[in-house]
Amino acid sequence: MKNQILYYCLIMQICCISPVLWAEEQDAGESEGAFPEYSAPPFEDFSAMIQRPLFLSTRRPASVIKPPPTRRIIPKRKVEVKTINLLLSGVIHDGEEYIALVRKGKKGEMVQLKKNKMIDGWRLLEIKPEEITLNKGANFTTVRLRDNKPVVDDKKRAQRASKIRLEKLRKARLLRNKKKAARRLANKER
């Protein structure tokens, strides 16, 4: 490393300083027609560069710089995630407490649960108007009312209903346009 730094410094001196000196001496010695002789300065002249290297960010010799401590990589443990097969269908407030309406799976039976009751090994910890919180051992999960997705049959019914609605809207627009056209025609005849 030290040799490389010295080498770069010598190259810089030769490339930068020598042409200037050579140009001055050439102007002065043009009558002579000879090139000046060049000799490198003694190695001791570069001691400041060795003590404070130019190309290192710390400006310390490589032997003085301590390498950064290596970090030991600890492999992560696999966390077992338990899935829950429950859907929150609704939350009822009877004046005193909340009751959660929970469905087991997509087409399973509907169950009414109060706080601290068990279902499929999960304990109901908290009931809020839009969500319930359950735990099983060290696992906690939240089931939200808006996360429920309609069952395939419900999707088909919704699609059919939207098609029927669109058809009714289209027919109503056509009827409205016919009435407007009839009014315009009646106004023109007057």
C-alpha atoms as a PDB file:
ATOM      1  CA  MET A   1       0.000   0.000   0.000  1.00  0.00           C
ATOM      2  CA  LYS A   2       2.822   2.403   0.875  1.00  0.00           C
ATOM      3  CA  ASN A   3       4.602   1.579  -2.337  1.00  0.00           C
ATOM      4  CA  GLN A   4       1.470   2.268  -4.344  1.00  0.00           C
ATOM      5  CA  ILE A   5       0.999   5.648  -2.713  1.00  0.00           C
ATOM      6  CA  LEU A   6       4.603   6.580  -3.359  1.00  0.00           C
ATOM      7  CA  TYR A   7       4.280   5.407  -6.924  1.00  0.00           C
ATOM      8  CA  TYR A   8       1.180   7.569  -7.468  1.00  0.00           C
ATOM      9  CA  CYS A   9       2.894  10.563  -5.912  1.00  0.00           C
ATOM     10  CA  LEU A  10       5.916  10.167  -8.166  1.00  0.00           C
ATOM     11  CA  ILE A  11       3.713   9.818 -11.221  1.00  0.00           C
ATOM     12  CA  MET A  12       1.793  12.957 -10.230  1.00  0.00           C
ATOM     13  CA  GLN A  13       5.007  14.882  -9.763  1.00  0.00           C
ATOM     14  CA  ILE A  14       6.360  13.737 -13.076  1.00  0.00           C
ATOM     15  CA  CYS A  15       3.103  14.482 -14.918  1.00  0.00           C
ATOM     16  CA  CYS A  16       2.255  17.795 -13.284  1.00  0.00           C
ATOM     17  CA  ILE A  17       5.446  19.516 -12.210  1.00  0.00           C
ATOM     18  CA  SER A  18       7.953  18.251 -14.758  1.00  0.00           C
ATOM     19  CA  PRO A  19       6.272  19.748 -17.857  1.00  0.00           C
ATOM     20  CA  VAL A  20       6.167  23.161 -16.183  1.00  0.00           C
ATOM     21  CA  LEU A  21       9.841  23.003 -15.259  1.00  0.00           C
ATOM     22  CA  TRP A  22      10.695  21.594 -18.637  1.00  0.00           C
ATOM     23  CA  ALA A  23       8.816  24.426 -20.391  1.00  0.00           C
ATOM     24  CA  GLU A  24      10.641  27.057 -18.312  1.00  0.00           C
ATOM     25  CA  GLU A  25      14.017  25.473 -18.917  1.00  0.00           C
ATOM     26  CA  GLN A  26      13.223  25.002 -22.585  1.00  0.00           C
ATOM     27  CA  ASP A  27      12.474  28.695 -22.934  1.00  0.00           C
ATOM     28  CA  ALA A  28      15.692  29.525 -21.142  1.00  0.00           C
ATOM     29  CA  GLY A  29      17.732  26.845 -22.860  1.00  0.00           C
ATOM     30  CA  GLU A  30      16.266  26.963 -26.368  1.00  0.00           C
ATOM     31  CA  SER A  31      19.544  28.236 -27.553  1.00  0.00           C
ATOM     32  CA  GLU A  32      21.239  25.140 -26.208  1.00  0.00           C
ATOM     33  CA  GLY A  33      18.677  22.720 -27.799  1.00  0.00           C
ATOM     34  CA  ALA A  34      19.132  20.046 -25.108  1.00  0.00           C
ATOM     35  CA  PHE A  35      16.573  18.507 -22.769  1.00  0.00           C
ATOM     36  CA  PRO A  36      17.143  19.092 -19.054  1.00  0.00           C
ATOM     37  CA  GLU A  37      17.966  16.085 -16.987  1.00  0.00           C
ATOM     38  CA  TYR A  38      15.532  15.100 -14.301  1.00  0.00           C
ATOM     39  CA  SER A  39      16.172  13.206 -11.110  1.00  0.00           C
ATOM     40  CA  ALA A  40      13.527  12.238  -8.589  1.00  0.00           C
ATOM     41  CA  PRO A  41      13.706  13.852  -5.157  1.00  0.00           C
ATOM     42  CA  PRO A  42      14.972  11.666  -2.323  1.00  0.00           C
ATOM     43  CA  PHE A  43      12.556   9.221  -0.718  1.00  0.00           C
ATOM     44  CA  GLU A  44      12.748  11.070   2.600  1.00  0.00           C
ATOM     45  CA  ASP A  45      10.995  14.072   1.056  1.00  0.00           C
ATOM     46  CA  PHE A  46       7.809  11.986   0.934  1.00  0.00           C
ATOM     47  CA  SER A  47       7.649  11.183   4.652  1.00  0.00           C
ATOM     48  CA  ALA A  48       4.657  13.486   5.200  1.00  0.00           C
ATOM     49  CA  MET A  49       2.739  11.607   2.507  1.00  0.00           C
ATOM     50  CA  ILE A  50       3.512   8.299   4.176  1.00  0.00           C
ATOM     51  CA  GLN A  51       2.325   9.569   7.553  1.00  0.00           C
ATOM     52  CA  ARG A  52      -0.869  11.111   6.103  1.00  0.00           C
ATOM     53  CA  PRO A  53      -1.774   9.193   2.920  1.00  0.00           C
ATOM     54  CA  LEU A  54      -3.649  11.247   0.376  1.00  0.00           C
ATOM     55  CA  PHE A  55      -5.997   8.540  -0.943  1.00  0.00           C
ATOM     56  CA  LEU A  56      -7.288   7.126   2.349  1.00  0.00           C
ATOM     57  CA  SER A  57     -10.341   8.761   3.903  1.00  0.00           C
ATOM     58  CA  THR A  58      -8.924   8.558   7.436  1.00  0.00           C
ATOM     59  CA  ARG A  59      -5.576  10.043   6.287  1.00  0.00           C
ATOM     60  CA  ARG A  60      -3.791   7.416   8.386  1.00  0.00           C
ATOM     61  CA  PRO A  61      -1.422   4.708   7.124  1.00  0.00           C
ATOM     62  CA  ALA A  62      -3.080   1.364   6.420  1.00  0.00           C
ATOM     63  CA  SER A  63      -1.166  -0.346   9.239  1.00  0.00           C
ATOM     64  CA  VAL A  64      -2.663   2.063  11.814  1.00  0.00           C
ATOM     65  CA  ILE A  65      -6.292   1.682  10.638  1.00  0.00           C
ATOM     66  CA  LYS A  66      -8.197  -0.964  12.566  1.00  0.00           C
ATOM     67  CA  PRO A  67     -10.657  -3.000  10.541  1.00  0.00           C
ATOM     68  CA  PRO A  68     -14.287  -2.602  11.576  1.00  0.00           C
ATOM     69  CA  PRO A  69     -15.560  -5.315  13.900  1.00  0.00           C
ATOM     70  CA  THR A  70     -17.288  -8.128  12.086  1.00  0.00           C
ATOM     71  CA  ARG A  71     -20.891  -8.762  13.008  1.00  0.00           C
ATOM     72  CA  ARG A  72     -21.938 -12.279  13.735  1.00  0.00           C
ATOM     73  CA  ILE A  73     -25.029 -13.174  11.762  1.00  0.00           C
ATOM     74  CA  ILE A  74     -27.601 -14.940  13.874  1.00  0.00           C
ATOM     75  CA  PRO A  75     -30.000 -17.060  11.848  1.00  0.00           C
ATOM     76  CA  LYS A  76     -33.648 -16.160  12.345  1.00  0.00           C
ATOM     77  CA  ARG A  77     -35.950 -18.689  13.921  1.00  0.00           C
ATOM     78  CA  LYS A  78     -38.901 -19.807  11.923  1.00  0.00           C
ATOM     79  CA  VAL A  79     -42.064 -18.422  13.430  1.00  0.00           C
ATOM     80  CA  GLU A  80     -45.006 -20.751  13.164  1.00  0.00           C
ATOM     81  CA  VAL A  81     -47.992 -18.831  11.903  1.00  0.00           C
ATOM     82  CA  LYS A  82     -51.283 -20.471  12.706  1.00  0.00           C
ATOM     83  CA  THR A  83     -54.035 -19.731  10.256  1.00  0.00           C
ATOM     84  CA  ILE A  84     -57.544 -19.151  11.373  1.00  0.00           C
ATOM     85  CA  ASN A  85     -60.551 -20.412   9.483  1.00  0.00           C
ATOM     86  CA  LEU A  86     -63.131 -18.062  10.981  1.00  0.00           C
ATOM     87  CA  LEU A  87     -65.116 -15.243   9.420  1.00  0.00           C
ATOM     88  CA  LEU A  88     -66.673 -12.380  11.341  1.00  0.00           C
ATOM     89  CA  SER A  89     -70.229 -12.027  10.042  1.00  0.00           C
ATOM     90  CA  GLY A  90     -71.395  -9.334  12.427  1.00  0.00           C
ATOM     91  CA  VAL A  91     -71.243  -7.794  15.889  1.00  0.00           C
ATOM     92  CA  ILE A  92     -74.309  -7.292  18.092  1.00  0.00           C
ATOM     93  CA  HIS A  93     -74.498  -4.943  21.062  1.00  0.00           C
ATOM     94  CA  ASP A  94     -77.243  -6.002  23.473  1.00  0.00           C
ATOM     95  CA  GLY A  95     -76.937  -2.953  25.707  1.00  0.00           C
ATOM     96  CA  GLU A  96     -74.462  -4.484  28.162  1.00  0.00           C
ATOM     97  CA  GLU A  97     -71.909  -6.329  26.070  1.00  0.00           C
ATOM     98  CA  TYR A  98     -70.904  -7.152  22.521  1.00  0.00           C
ATOM     99  CA  ILE A  99     -71.646 -10.522  20.916  1.00  0.00           C
ATOM    100  CA  ALA A 100     -69.697 -11.633  17.842  1.00  0.00           C
ATOM    101  CA  LEU A 101     -71.372 -13.622  15.086  1.00  0.00           C
ATOM    102  CA  VAL A 102     -68.639 -15.909  13.779  1.00  0.00           C
ATOM    103  CA  ARG A 103     -68.846 -18.418  10.942  1.00  0.00           C
ATOM    104  CA  LYS A 104     -66.547 -21.472  10.875  1.00  0.00           C
ATOM    105  CA  GLY A 105     -65.149 -21.503   7.326  1.00  0.00           C
ATOM    106  CA  LYS A 106     -67.043 -20.088   4.361  1.00  0.00           C
ATOM    107  CA  LYS A 107     -70.108 -22.309   4.609  1.00  0.00           C
ATOM    108  CA  GLY A 108     -69.863 -23.478   8.205  1.00  0.00           C
ATOM    109  CA  GLU A 109     -72.285 -22.950  11.016  1.00  0.00           C
ATOM    110  CA  MET A 110     -72.857 -19.524  12.555  1.00  0.00           C
ATOM    111  CA  VAL A 111     -71.825 -19.236  16.221  1.00  0.00           C
ATOM    112  CA  GLN A 112     -72.532 -16.470  18.739  1.00  0.00           C
ATOM    113  CA  LEU A 113     -69.504 -15.726  20.924  1.00  0.00           C
ATOM    114  CA  LYS A 114     -69.027 -13.565  23.980  1.00  0.00           C
ATOM    115  CA  LYS A 115     -65.739 -12.357  25.405  1.00  0.00           C
ATOM    116  CA  ASN A 116     -63.351 -15.106  26.700  1.00  0.00           C
ATOM    117  CA  LYS A 117     -65.258 -17.912  24.929  1.00  0.00           C
ATOM    118  CA  MET A 118     -63.391 -20.565  22.880  1.00  0.00           C
ATOM    119  CA  ILE A 119     -63.861 -21.575  19.241  1.00  0.00           C
ATOM    120  CA  ASP A 120     -61.590 -24.079  17.447  1.00  0.00           C
ATOM    121  CA  GLY A 121     -58.924 -23.615  20.143  1.00  0.00           C
ATOM    122  CA  TRP A 122     -58.935 -19.801  19.797  1.00  0.00           C
ATOM    123  CA  ARG A 123     -59.981 -17.623  22.751  1.00  0.00           C
ATOM    124  CA  LEU A 124     -61.979 -14.475  21.991  1.00  0.00           C
ATOM    125  CA  LEU A 125     -60.135 -11.661  23.814  1.00  0.00           C
ATOM    126  CA  GLU A 126     -61.817  -8.506  22.583  1.00  0.00           C
ATOM    127  CA  ILE A 127     -64.897  -7.538  20.590  1.00  0.00           C
ATOM    128  CA  LYS A 128     -65.109  -4.177  18.827  1.00  0.00           C
ATOM    129  CA  PRO A 129     -67.848  -2.974  16.459  1.00  0.00           C
ATOM    130  CA  GLU A 130     -65.736  -3.759  13.361  1.00  0.00           C
ATOM    131  CA  GLU A 131     -63.320  -6.492  14.542  1.00  0.00           C
ATOM    132  CA  ILE A 132     -62.539  -9.226  17.035  1.00  0.00           C
ATOM    133  CA  THR A 133     -59.198 -10.235  18.556  1.00  0.00           C
ATOM    134  CA  LEU A 134     -58.405 -13.887  19.233  1.00  0.00           C
ATOM    135  CA  ASN A 135     -55.421 -15.740  20.657  1.00  0.00           C
ATOM    136  CA  LYS A 136     -54.165 -19.298  20.661  1.00  0.00           C
ATOM    137  CA  GLY A 137     -51.071 -19.804  22.771  1.00  0.00           C
ATOM    138  CA  ALA A 138     -48.556 -17.142  21.721  1.00  0.00           C
ATOM    139  CA  ASN A 139     -50.403 -16.300  18.500  1.00  0.00           C
ATOM    140  CA  PHE A 140     -52.751 -13.330  18.314  1.00  0.00           C
ATOM    141  CA  THR A 141     -54.928 -12.489  15.344  1.00  0.00           C
ATOM    142  CA  THR A 142     -57.536  -9.926  14.433  1.00  0.00           C
ATOM    143  CA  VAL A 143     -60.518 -10.781  12.247  1.00  0.00           C
ATOM    144  CA  ARG A 144     -62.131  -7.738  10.680  1.00  0.00           C
ATOM    145  CA  LEU A 145     -65.652  -7.475   9.402  1.00  0.00           C
ATOM    146  CA  ARG A 146     -64.549  -5.764   6.171  1.00  0.00           C
ATOM    147  CA  ASP A 147     -62.046  -8.577   5.415  1.00  0.00           C
ATOM    148  CA  ASN A 148     -64.875 -11.015   4.759  1.00  0.00           C
ATOM    149  CA  LYS A 149     -65.134 -11.809   1.098  1.00  0.00           C
ATOM    150  CA  PRO A 150     -68.416 -12.985  -0.343  1.00  0.00           C
ATOM    151  CA  VAL A 151     -68.838 -16.681  -0.968  1.00  0.00           C
ATOM    152  CA  VAL A 152     -68.832 -17.732  -4.641  1.00  0.00           C
ATOM    153  CA  ASP A 153     -72.646 -18.078  -4.610  1.00  0.00           C
ATOM    154  CA  ASP A 154     -72.920 -14.556  -3.183  1.00  0.00           C
ATOM    155  CA  LYS A 155     -70.633 -13.237  -5.958  1.00  0.00           C
ATOM    156  CA  LYS A 156     -72.800 -14.826  -8.636  1.00  0.00           C
ATOM    157  CA  ARG A 157     -75.954 -13.374  -7.076  1.00  0.00           C
ATOM    158  CA  ALA A 158     -74.326  -9.940  -6.891  1.00  0.00           C
ATOM    159  CA  GLN A 159     -73.246 -10.133 -10.533  1.00  0.00           C
ATOM    160  CA  ARG A 160     -76.740 -11.173 -11.634  1.00  0.00           C
ATOM    161  CA  ALA A 161     -78.280  -8.377  -9.574  1.00  0.00           C
ATOM    162  CA  SER A 162     -75.912  -5.799 -11.069  1.00  0.00           C
ATOM    163  CA  LYS A 163     -76.735  -7.009 -14.610  1.00  0.00           C
ATOM    164  CA  ILE A 164     -80.453  -6.685 -13.869  1.00  0.00           C
ATOM    165  CA  ARG A 165     -79.893  -3.196 -12.396  1.00  0.00           C
ATOM    166  CA  LEU A 166     -77.899  -2.129 -15.469  1.00  0.00           C
ATOM    167  CA  GLU A 167     -80.627  -3.413 -17.786  1.00  0.00           C
ATOM    168  CA  LYS A 168     -83.293  -1.500 -15.821  1.00  0.00           C
ATOM    169  CA  LEU A 169     -81.186   1.686 -15.972  1.00  0.00           C
ATOM    170  CA  ARG A 170     -80.692   1.283 -19.728  1.00  0.00           C
ATOM    171  CA  LYS A 171     -84.428   0.836 -20.276  1.00  0.00           C
ATOM    172  CA  ALA A 172     -85.225   3.846 -18.088  1.00  0.00           C
ATOM    173  CA  ARG A 173     -82.756   6.000 -20.107  1.00  0.00           C
ATOM    174  CA  LEU A 174     -84.314   4.886 -23.381  1.00  0.00           C
ATOM    175  CA  LEU A 175     -87.793   5.725 -22.081  1.00  0.00           C
ATOM    176  CA  ARG A 176     -86.601   9.121 -20.840  1.00  0.00           C
ATOM    177  CA  ASN A 177     -84.991   9.904 -24.209  1.00  0.00           C
ATOM    178  CA  LYS A 178     -88.210   8.932 -26.041  1.00  0.00           C
ATOM    179  CA  LYS A 179     -90.242  11.256 -23.791  1.00  0.00           C
ATOM    180  CA  LYS A 180     -87.793  14.134 -24.416  1.00  0.00           C
ATOM    181  CA  ALA A 181     -87.965  13.572 -28.149  1.00  0.00           C
ATOM    182  CA  ALA A 182     -91.780  13.564 -28.008  1.00  0.00           C
ATOM    183  CA  ARG A 183     -91.804  16.838 -26.043  1.00  0.00           C
ATOM    184  CA  ARG A 184     -89.422  18.492 -28.540  1.00  0.00           C
ATOM    185  CA  LEU A 185     -91.608  17.376 -31.420  1.00  0.00           C
ATOM    186  CA  ALA A 186     -94.700  18.728 -29.650  1.00  0.00           C
ATOM    187  CA  ASN A 187     -92.941  22.068 -28.997  1.00  0.00           C
ATOM    188  CA  LYS A 188     -91.942  22.375 -32.673  1.00  0.00           C
ATOM    189  CA  GLU A 189     -95.525  21.833 -33.842  1.00  0.00           C
ATOM    190  CA  ARG A 190     -96.819  24.691 -31.705  1.00  0.00           C
END
